[in-house]
Protein backbone atom coordinates (compact mmCIF):
# COMPACT_ATOMS: atom_id res chain seq x y z
CA MET A 1 93.63 119.09 118.89
CA LYS A 2 96.34 119.75 116.39
CA LYS A 3 99.06 117.16 115.55
CA ARG A 4 101.94 119.55 116.95
CA ALA A 5 99.76 120.81 120.53
CA THR A 6 99.37 116.81 121.13
CA VAL A 7 102.91 116.56 121.12
CA ALA A 8 103.84 118.78 122.98
CA LEU A 9 101.15 118.72 125.82
CA SER A 10 102.45 114.81 125.76
CA VAL A 11 105.83 115.74 126.44
CA VAL A 12 105.56 118.13 128.90
CA ALA A 13 102.40 115.76 130.90
CA ALA A 14 105.47 113.32 130.09
CA ALA A 15 108.04 115.15 131.84
CA LEU A 16 105.85 116.11 134.70
CA SER A 17 104.88 112.41 135.22
CA ALA A 18 108.54 111.44 135.32
CA MET A 19 109.35 114.04 137.85
CA GLY A 20 106.81 112.66 139.91
CA LEU A 21 107.63 109.21 140.09
CA ALA A 22 110.87 109.88 140.66
CA PHE A 23 109.88 111.54 143.98
CA ILE A 24 107.71 109.04 145.11
CA GLY A 25 110.20 106.18 143.99
CA ALA A 26 112.91 107.69 146.16
CA THR A 27 110.78 107.90 149.12
CA LEU A 28 109.42 104.34 148.74
CA THR A 29 113.05 103.09 148.08
CA ARG A 30 113.62 104.75 151.36
CA THR A 31 110.93 103.21 153.56
CA ARG A 32 111.90 100.17 155.54
CA SER A 33 108.67 99.04 156.96
CA LEU A 34 104.83 99.39 156.62
CA ASP A 35 105.04 101.85 160.44
CA GLN A 36 107.17 104.23 158.15
CA LEU A 37 104.64 104.12 155.20
CA ARG A 38 101.87 104.76 157.60
CA HIS A 39 103.42 107.63 158.85
CA LEU A 40 104.39 109.09 155.82
CA LEU A 41 100.90 108.95 154.63
CA SER A 42 99.29 110.14 158.01
CA TYR A 43 101.63 113.43 157.25
CA ASP A 44 103.81 112.38 160.62
CA TYR A 45 106.66 113.46 158.81
CA MET A 46 105.97 117.03 157.61
CA SER A 47 107.84 118.65 160.37
CA PHE A 48 111.23 119.20 160.53
CA VAL A 49 111.57 117.41 164.23
CA ASP A 50 109.36 114.23 162.87
CA SER A 51 112.08 114.39 159.91
CA GLN A 52 114.99 113.87 162.02
CA ALA A 53 113.54 111.70 164.57
CA ASP A 54 115.34 108.28 164.81
CA GLY A 55 114.19 105.40 161.98
CA ALA A 56 112.82 108.62 160.11
CA ILE A 57 113.05 108.58 156.48
CA GLY A 58 114.39 112.37 156.49
CA ALA A 59 113.55 115.05 153.88
CA VAL A 60 112.25 112.99 150.92
CA ALA A 61 109.20 112.20 153.31
CA SER A 62 107.85 115.57 152.33
CA ASP A 63 108.54 115.41 148.89
CA PHE A 64 106.40 112.10 148.35
CA PHE A 65 103.39 114.51 148.37
CA ILE A 66 104.94 116.68 145.78
CA GLY A 67 105.45 113.76 143.59
CA VAL A 68 101.73 112.67 144.18
CA GLY A 69 101.15 116.44 142.87
CA LEU A 70 103.09 116.27 139.77
CA LEU A 71 102.11 112.89 138.48
CA LEU A 72 98.28 114.00 139.18
CA VAL A 73 98.95 117.38 137.23
CA GLY A 74 100.72 114.70 134.38
CA SER A 75 97.61 112.58 134.42
CA VAL A 76 95.58 115.32 134.18
CA LEU A 77 97.36 116.83 131.27
CA PHE A 78 97.26 113.28 129.60
CA ALA A 79 93.69 112.97 130.06
CA LYS A 80 93.62 115.91 127.11
CA VAL A 81 95.17 113.22 124.58
CA GLU A 82 92.97 111.44 122.89
CA LYS A 83 94.89 108.33 123.06
CA THR A 84 95.85 108.16 126.66
CA SER A 85 92.26 109.69 128.45
CA ARG A 86 90.82 106.89 129.92
CA GLY A 87 93.78 105.39 131.75
CA ALA A 88 94.73 108.92 132.49
CA THR A 89 91.43 109.74 134.13
CA ILE A 90 91.54 106.59 136.06
CA LEU A 91 94.78 107.59 137.57
CA ALA A 92 93.86 110.75 138.03
CA ALA A 93 90.56 109.76 140.46
CA LEU A 94 92.96 107.46 142.10
CA LEU A 95 95.64 110.50 142.80
CA TYR A 96 92.52 112.61 144.13
CA THR A 97 91.31 109.94 146.13
CA LEU A 98 94.65 108.86 147.92
CA VAL A 99 95.32 112.76 148.60
CA ALA A 100 91.63 113.36 150.01
CA ILE A 101 91.96 110.31 152.29
CA SER A 102 95.21 111.13 153.59
CA LEU A 103 94.05 114.64 154.20
CA VAL A 104 90.83 113.68 156.12
CA TYR A 105 93.00 111.17 158.22
CA ALA A 106 95.21 114.26 158.87
CA CYS A 107 92.50 116.64 159.66
CA LEU A 108 90.94 113.58 162.04
CA ASN A 109 93.97 112.93 164.04
CA LEU A 110 95.32 116.48 164.44
CA ARG A 111 98.93 116.31 166.41
CA VAL A 112 98.97 120.01 167.56
CA SER A 113 101.82 120.21 170.42
CA ALA A 114 102.06 116.83 170.20
CA LYS A 115 105.73 115.48 171.27
CA PRO A 116 107.67 113.36 168.29
CA TYR A 117 108.26 110.02 168.75
């Protein structure tokens, strides 16, 4: 890959990763307990009613998985850069695992027509 293409790819990957980390950081700084973190990872805050529940972390909870997606795209782009490929591949694998585990959990624990807390 040419040097200009590598630099451009690195800049785009860094921007996407920074935005993803900002979304994830904003969500995690608002969690006050492990119970809220469990609700976040189990998709309990995905509806409007759940995000408005007492003690909920609000609208930024839905931004958590957007941040994970942006970080995942950034790490996949970083995997194409020779110097960062190993670390980026490991990070992408961990993020894919997080998304897969949380999706399996969400499918196994359906809350169709369940009342919010």
